[in-house]
Amino acid sequence: MASSTPASADLETAAADEDQLNRAFAALSDPLRRKLVARLAHGDATVNELAEPFTVTLQAVSKHLKVLEDAGLITRRRDAQRRPCHLEPSAFGPLALWIEAYRDRTEEKYRRLDALLAAEEGNQA
């Protein structure tokens, strides 16, 4: 039975967020899936349209799209006889925030190293 304390809710949210990040990064680890995302950034497309420039089967493209969909990066909808895929830009926000946080930490470490090296250089002069 799950606890309803604020701390446990925060932990559950953090775990869900981490799971979402893991699925999104795993989905984007494949070069073909990244190319599909890049194509969808230009507009919605059907599986046939997405598969056209590649030498893989429609079934393979569909499987890749399913991985992207399960990660929340794309959605599919029915539009009469068409089933276009749609990129979900909001799903990339948490990825960007995660990357930015690590970039900020790394830049801060380099700033401290630069300051340390400058101080050391000043001591040697």
N, C-alpha and C. Protein backbone atom coordinates (compact mmCIF):
# COMPACT_ATOMS: atom_id res chain seq x y z
N MET A 1 0.84 -1.17 0.00
CA MET A 1 0.00 0.00 0.00
C MET A 1 0.89 1.24 0.00
N ALA A 2 0.63 2.17 -0.91
CA ALA A 2 1.44 3.37 -1.05
C ALA A 2 1.08 4.39 0.02
N SER A 3 2.11 5.04 0.52
CA SER A 3 1.90 6.09 1.51
C SER A 3 1.49 7.37 0.80
N SER A 4 0.73 8.21 1.50
CA SER A 4 0.27 9.44 0.88
C SER A 4 0.96 10.67 1.45
N THR A 5 2.11 10.49 2.08
CA THR A 5 2.83 11.64 2.62
C THR A 5 3.46 12.42 1.47
N PRO A 6 3.68 13.71 1.69
CA PRO A 6 4.31 14.52 0.63
C PRO A 6 5.66 13.97 0.18
N ALA A 7 6.45 13.48 1.12
CA ALA A 7 7.76 12.94 0.77
C ALA A 7 7.63 11.72 -0.13
N SER A 8 6.70 10.82 0.18
CA SER A 8 6.53 9.64 -0.66
C SER A 8 5.98 10.01 -2.02
N ALA A 9 5.13 11.03 -2.07
CA ALA A 9 4.61 11.49 -3.36
C ALA A 9 5.75 12.06 -4.21
N ASP A 10 6.66 12.80 -3.56
CA ASP A 10 7.82 13.34 -4.28
C ASP A 10 8.69 12.22 -4.82
N LEU A 11 8.90 11.17 -4.01
CA LEU A 11 9.70 10.04 -4.45
C LEU A 11 9.05 9.32 -5.62
N GLU A 12 7.74 9.16 -5.54
CA GLU A 12 7.02 8.50 -6.64
C GLU A 12 7.11 9.33 -7.90
N THR A 13 6.98 10.64 -7.79
CA THR A 13 7.09 11.53 -8.94
C THR A 13 8.50 11.47 -9.52
N ALA A 14 9.49 11.50 -8.65
CA ALA A 14 10.88 11.43 -9.10
C ALA A 14 11.15 10.11 -9.82
N ALA A 15 10.63 9.01 -9.28
CA ALA A 15 10.82 7.71 -9.92
C ALA A 15 10.13 7.67 -11.28
N ALA A 16 8.93 8.24 -11.37
CA ALA A 16 8.21 8.26 -12.64
C ALA A 16 8.95 9.14 -13.64
N ASP A 17 9.46 10.28 -13.17
CA ASP A 17 10.23 11.16 -14.05
C ASP A 17 11.49 10.47 -14.56
N GLU A 18 12.17 9.75 -13.67
CA GLU A 18 13.38 9.04 -14.07
C GLU A 18 13.05 7.94 -15.06
N ASP A 19 11.95 7.23 -14.85
CA ASP A 19 11.53 6.19 -15.78
C ASP A 19 11.24 6.80 -17.15
N GLN A 20 10.57 7.94 -17.16
CA GLN A 20 10.26 8.63 -18.42
C GLN A 20 11.54 9.05 -19.14
N LEU A 21 12.49 9.60 -18.39
CA LEU A 21 13.79 9.97 -18.97
C LEU A 21 14.50 8.75 -19.55
N ASN A 22 14.50 7.67 -18.80
CA ASN A 22 15.15 6.44 -19.28
C ASN A 22 14.54 5.95 -20.58
N ARG A 23 13.21 5.95 -20.63
CA ARG A 23 12.54 5.49 -21.86
C ARG A 23 12.83 6.42 -23.03
N ALA A 24 12.83 7.72 -22.77
CA ALA A 24 13.07 8.69 -23.85
C ALA A 24 14.51 8.58 -24.36
N PHE A 25 15.47 8.53 -23.45
CA PHE A 25 16.86 8.42 -23.88
C PHE A 25 17.11 7.08 -24.59
N ALA A 26 16.51 6.02 -24.11
CA ALA A 26 16.65 4.72 -24.77
C ALA A 26 16.05 4.77 -26.17
N ALA A 27 14.91 5.41 -26.30
CA ALA A 27 14.27 5.52 -27.61
C ALA A 27 15.15 6.30 -28.57
N LEU A 28 15.79 7.33 -28.07
CA LEU A 28 16.63 8.18 -28.93
C LEU A 28 18.02 7.62 -29.15
N SER A 29 18.33 6.49 -28.54
CA SER A 29 19.66 5.90 -28.71
C SER A 29 19.85 5.28 -30.09
N ASP A 30 18.77 5.04 -30.80
CA ASP A 30 18.85 4.41 -32.12
C ASP A 30 18.92 5.48 -33.21
N PRO A 31 19.88 5.39 -34.13
CA PRO A 31 20.01 6.40 -35.18
C PRO A 31 18.77 6.54 -36.07
N LEU A 32 18.13 5.43 -36.40
CA LEU A 32 16.93 5.51 -37.24
C LEU A 32 15.81 6.24 -36.51
N ARG A 33 15.66 5.96 -35.23
CA ARG A 33 14.61 6.66 -34.47
C ARG A 33 14.90 8.16 -34.39
N ARG A 34 16.17 8.52 -34.25
CA ARG A 34 16.51 9.95 -34.25
C ARG A 34 16.18 10.58 -35.60
N LYS A 35 16.40 9.85 -36.68
CA LYS A 35 16.05 10.37 -38.01
C LYS A 35 14.53 10.50 -38.15
N LEU A 36 13.79 9.57 -37.60
CA LEU A 36 12.32 9.68 -37.64
C LEU A 36 11.85 10.89 -36.86
N VAL A 37 12.45 11.13 -35.70
CA VAL A 37 12.11 12.31 -34.90
C VAL A 37 12.44 13.57 -35.68
N ALA A 38 13.61 13.59 -36.32
CA ALA A 38 14.01 14.76 -37.11
C ALA A 38 13.01 15.01 -38.23
N ARG A 39 12.55 13.95 -38.87
CA ARG A 39 11.57 14.11 -39.94
C ARG A 39 10.25 14.64 -39.39
N LEU A 40 9.81 14.11 -38.26
CA LEU A 40 8.55 14.55 -37.67
C LEU A 40 8.62 15.98 -37.14
N ALA A 41 9.83 16.47 -36.91
CA ALA A 41 9.98 17.87 -36.48
C ALA A 41 9.52 18.82 -37.59
N HIS A 42 9.49 18.32 -38.82
CA HIS A 42 9.04 19.14 -39.97
C HIS A 42 7.54 19.03 -40.20
N GLY A 43 6.89 18.09 -39.55
CA GLY A 43 5.45 17.95 -39.69
C GLY A 43 5.01 16.50 -39.58
N ASP A 44 3.73 16.30 -39.38
CA ASP A 44 3.16 14.97 -39.23
C ASP A 44 3.39 14.15 -40.50
N ALA A 45 3.47 12.83 -40.32
CA ALA A 45 3.67 11.93 -41.46
C ALA A 45 3.14 10.55 -41.11
N THR A 46 2.75 9.82 -42.14
CA THR A 46 2.30 8.45 -41.96
C THR A 46 3.50 7.52 -41.93
N VAL A 47 3.26 6.28 -41.57
CA VAL A 47 4.33 5.28 -41.55
C VAL A 47 4.93 5.15 -42.94
N ASN A 48 4.09 5.10 -43.96
CA ASN A 48 4.59 4.98 -45.34
C ASN A 48 5.49 6.16 -45.69
N GLU A 49 5.06 7.35 -45.34
CA GLU A 49 5.86 8.55 -45.64
C GLU A 49 7.18 8.53 -44.87
N LEU A 50 7.13 8.08 -43.64
CA LEU A 50 8.35 8.02 -42.83
C LEU A 50 9.31 6.94 -43.33
N ALA A 51 8.78 5.84 -43.83
CA ALA A 51 9.61 4.73 -44.28
C ALA A 51 10.25 4.97 -45.64
N GLU A 52 9.67 5.87 -46.40
CA GLU A 52 10.09 6.08 -47.79
C GLU A 52 11.60 6.23 -48.01
N PRO A 53 12.30 7.07 -47.25
CA PRO A 53 13.72 7.25 -47.56
C PRO A 53 14.64 6.14 -47.03
N PHE A 54 14.09 5.17 -46.33
CA PHE A 54 14.93 4.15 -45.70
C PHE A 54 14.81 2.82 -46.43
N THR A 55 15.79 1.97 -46.22
CA THR A 55 15.80 0.65 -46.85
C THR A 55 15.27 -0.44 -45.91
N VAL A 56 14.60 -0.03 -44.85
CA VAL A 56 14.02 -1.00 -43.91
C VAL A 56 12.55 -1.21 -44.25
N THR A 57 11.98 -2.27 -43.73
CA THR A 57 10.59 -2.59 -44.02
C THR A 57 9.64 -1.67 -43.26
N LEU A 58 8.41 -1.63 -43.72
CA LEU A 58 7.37 -0.87 -43.01
C LEU A 58 7.20 -1.39 -41.59
N GLN A 59 7.31 -2.71 -41.43
CA GLN A 59 7.17 -3.31 -40.11
C GLN A 59 8.28 -2.82 -39.18
N ALA A 60 9.49 -2.70 -39.70
CA ALA A 60 10.60 -2.23 -38.88
C ALA A 60 10.37 -0.77 -38.47
N VAL A 61 9.91 0.06 -39.40
CA VAL A 61 9.63 1.45 -39.09
C VAL A 61 8.52 1.52 -38.05
N SER A 62 7.50 0.70 -38.21
CA SER A 62 6.40 0.67 -37.24
C SER A 62 6.90 0.31 -35.85
N LYS A 63 7.81 -0.63 -35.76
CA LYS A 63 8.36 -1.02 -34.45
C LYS A 63 9.15 0.13 -33.84
N HIS A 64 9.91 0.83 -34.66
CA HIS A 64 10.66 1.99 -34.16
C HIS A 64 9.70 3.08 -33.68
N LEU A 65 8.63 3.29 -34.43
CA LEU A 65 7.63 4.29 -34.03
C LEU A 65 6.95 3.89 -32.73
N LYS A 66 6.72 2.61 -32.52
CA LYS A 66 6.11 2.13 -31.29
C LYS A 66 7.01 2.46 -30.09
N VAL A 67 8.32 2.30 -30.26
CA VAL A 67 9.26 2.63 -29.18
C VAL A 67 9.18 4.13 -28.88
N LEU A 68 9.15 4.96 -29.91
CA LEU A 68 9.04 6.41 -29.72
C LEU A 68 7.71 6.77 -29.06
N GLU A 69 6.66 6.08 -29.45
CA GLU A 69 5.34 6.33 -28.87
C GLU A 69 5.31 5.91 -27.39
N ASP A 70 5.87 4.75 -27.08
CA ASP A 70 5.91 4.27 -25.69
C ASP A 70 6.73 5.22 -24.80
N ALA A 71 7.69 5.89 -25.40
CA ALA A 71 8.51 6.86 -24.66
C ALA A 71 7.83 8.21 -24.54
N GLY A 72 6.68 8.36 -25.19
CA GLY A 72 5.94 9.61 -25.12
C GLY A 72 6.45 10.69 -26.05
N LEU A 73 7.35 10.33 -26.96
CA LEU A 73 7.94 11.32 -27.86
C LEU A 73 7.07 11.62 -29.07
N ILE A 74 6.23 10.65 -29.44
CA ILE A 74 5.31 10.87 -30.55
C ILE A 74 3.93 10.33 -30.16
N THR A 75 2.93 10.78 -30.90
CA THR A 75 1.59 10.22 -30.78
C THR A 75 1.12 9.87 -32.18
N ARG A 76 0.16 8.97 -32.23
CA ARG A 76 -0.49 8.62 -33.50
C ARG A 76 -1.97 8.89 -33.34
N ARG A 77 -2.56 9.38 -34.40
CA ARG A 77 -4.00 9.62 -34.37
C ARG A 77 -4.62 9.15 -35.67
N ARG A 78 -5.92 9.01 -35.65
CA ARG A 78 -6.63 8.59 -36.85
C ARG A 78 -7.21 9.84 -37.51
N ASP A 79 -6.94 9.98 -38.79
CA ASP A 79 -7.43 11.10 -39.59
C ASP A 79 -8.03 10.49 -40.85
N ALA A 80 -9.32 10.15 -40.76
CA ALA A 80 -10.02 9.43 -41.83
C ALA A 80 -9.28 8.11 -42.06
N GLN A 81 -8.73 7.90 -43.24
CA GLN A 81 -8.01 6.66 -43.54
C GLN A 81 -6.53 6.74 -43.17
N ARG A 82 -6.06 7.91 -42.86
CA ARG A 82 -4.64 8.10 -42.52
C ARG A 82 -4.44 7.95 -41.02
N ARG A 83 -3.24 7.52 -40.66
CA ARG A 83 -2.84 7.46 -39.24
C ARG A 83 -1.52 8.19 -39.08
N PRO A 84 -1.56 9.51 -39.12
CA PRO A 84 -0.31 10.26 -39.04
C PRO A 84 0.33 10.19 -37.65
N CYS A 85 1.65 10.26 -37.66
CA CYS A 85 2.43 10.34 -36.44
C CYS A 85 2.72 11.81 -36.18
N HIS A 86 2.72 12.17 -34.92
CA HIS A 86 2.91 13.56 -34.52
C HIS A 86 3.98 13.63 -33.44
N LEU A 87 4.94 14.51 -33.62
CA LEU A 87 5.98 14.73 -32.62
C LEU A 87 5.39 15.49 -31.44
N GLU A 88 5.71 15.06 -30.23
CA GLU A 88 5.23 15.72 -29.02
C GLU A 88 6.36 16.56 -28.44
N PRO A 89 6.45 17.83 -28.85
CA PRO A 89 7.56 18.68 -28.40
C PRO A 89 7.67 18.79 -26.89
N SER A 90 6.55 18.77 -26.19
CA SER A 90 6.59 18.91 -24.73
C SER A 90 7.35 17.75 -24.07
N ALA A 91 7.41 16.61 -24.73
CA ALA A 91 8.12 15.46 -24.17
C ALA A 91 9.63 15.68 -24.13
N PHE A 92 10.11 16.63 -24.92
CA PHE A 92 11.55 16.90 -24.96
C PHE A 92 11.98 17.87 -23.86
N GLY A 93 11.02 18.53 -23.22
CA GLY A 93 11.35 19.47 -22.14
C GLY A 93 12.12 18.83 -21.01
N PRO A 94 11.64 17.72 -20.45
CA PRO A 94 12.39 17.08 -19.36
C PRO A 94 13.79 16.62 -19.80
N LEU A 95 13.93 16.20 -21.05
CA LEU A 95 15.25 15.80 -21.54
C LEU A 95 16.19 17.01 -21.57
N ALA A 96 15.68 18.12 -22.08
CA ALA A 96 16.48 19.34 -22.16
C ALA A 96 16.87 19.82 -20.76
N LEU A 97 15.94 19.76 -19.81
CA LEU A 97 16.23 20.18 -18.44
C LEU A 97 17.31 19.31 -17.80
N TRP A 98 17.22 18.01 -18.03
CA TRP A 98 18.20 17.08 -17.48
C TRP A 98 19.58 17.38 -18.05
N ILE A 99 19.65 17.55 -19.37
CA ILE A 99 20.93 17.84 -20.02
C ILE A 99 21.48 19.17 -19.54
N GLU A 100 20.62 20.18 -19.46
CA GLU A 100 21.04 21.52 -19.03
C GLU A 100 21.60 21.49 -17.60
N ALA A 101 20.99 20.73 -16.74
CA ALA A 101 21.48 20.64 -15.36
C ALA A 101 22.89 20.09 -15.32
N TYR A 102 23.17 19.07 -16.11
CA TYR A 102 24.51 18.51 -16.12
C TYR A 102 25.50 19.42 -16.83
N ARG A 103 25.04 20.12 -17.83
CA ARG A 103 25.90 21.09 -18.51
C ARG A 103 26.30 22.20 -17.53
N ASP A 104 25.32 22.71 -16.77
CA ASP A 104 25.60 23.76 -15.79
C ASP A 104 26.61 23.29 -14.75
N ARG A 105 26.44 22.07 -14.26
CA ARG A 105 27.37 21.53 -13.26
C ARG A 105 28.78 21.42 -13.83
N THR A 106 28.87 20.93 -15.06
CA THR A 106 30.17 20.77 -15.70
C THR A 106 30.84 22.12 -15.94
N GLU A 107 30.06 23.09 -16.41
CA GLU A 107 30.63 24.42 -16.63
C GLU A 107 31.12 25.04 -15.32
N GLU A 108 30.40 24.82 -14.24
CA GLU A 108 30.82 25.34 -12.94
C GLU A 108 32.14 24.71 -12.52
N LYS A 109 32.31 23.41 -12.77
CA LYS A 109 33.57 22.74 -12.44
C LYS A 109 34.72 23.33 -13.25
N TYR A 110 34.47 23.61 -14.53
CA TYR A 110 35.51 24.21 -15.37
C TYR A 110 35.85 25.63 -14.92
N ARG A 111 34.83 26.39 -14.49
CA ARG A 111 35.10 27.74 -13.98
C ARG A 111 35.99 27.67 -12.73
N ARG A 112 35.71 26.74 -11.84
CA ARG A 112 36.53 26.58 -10.64
C ARG A 112 37.95 26.15 -11.01
N LEU A 113 38.06 25.24 -11.98
CA LEU A 113 39.39 24.80 -12.42
C LEU A 113 40.16 25.96 -13.05
N ASP A 114 39.48 26.75 -13.88
CA ASP A 114 40.13 27.91 -14.49
C ASP A 114 40.63 28.87 -13.42
N ALA A 115 39.80 29.12 -12.40
CA ALA A 115 40.20 30.02 -11.31
C ALA A 115 41.39 29.46 -10.55
N LEU A 116 41.38 28.17 -10.30
CA LEU A 116 42.47 27.52 -9.59
C LEU A 116 43.76 27.61 -10.40
N LEU A 117 43.67 27.34 -11.70
CA LEU A 117 44.86 27.41 -12.56
C LEU A 117 45.37 28.84 -12.68
N ALA A 118 44.47 29.81 -12.75
CA ALA A 118 44.89 31.21 -12.81
C ALA A 118 45.58 31.61 -11.52
N ALA A 119 45.06 31.18 -10.39
CA ALA A 119 45.69 31.48 -9.10
C ALA A 119 47.05 30.82 -9.01
N GLU A 120 47.16 29.62 -9.46
CA GLU A 120 48.43 28.89 -9.44
C GLU A 120 49.45 29.58 -10.35
N GLU A 121 48.99 30.00 -11.49
CA GLU A 121 49.87 30.71 -12.44
C GLU A 121 50.35 32.03 -11.83
N GLY A 122 49.45 32.73 -11.12
CA GLY A 122 49.81 33.97 -10.44
C GLY A 122 50.83 33.74 -9.34
N ASN A 123 50.77 32.60 -8.65
CA ASN A 123 51.72 32.28 -7.59
C ASN A 123 53.11 31.97 -8.13
N GLN A 124 53.16 31.46 -9.36
CA GLN A 124 54.43 31.08 -9.95
C GLN A 124 55.12 32.27 -10.60
N ALA A 125 54.40 33.32 -10.87
CA ALA A 125 55.00 34.48 -11.55
C ALA A 125 55.82 35.35 -10.64
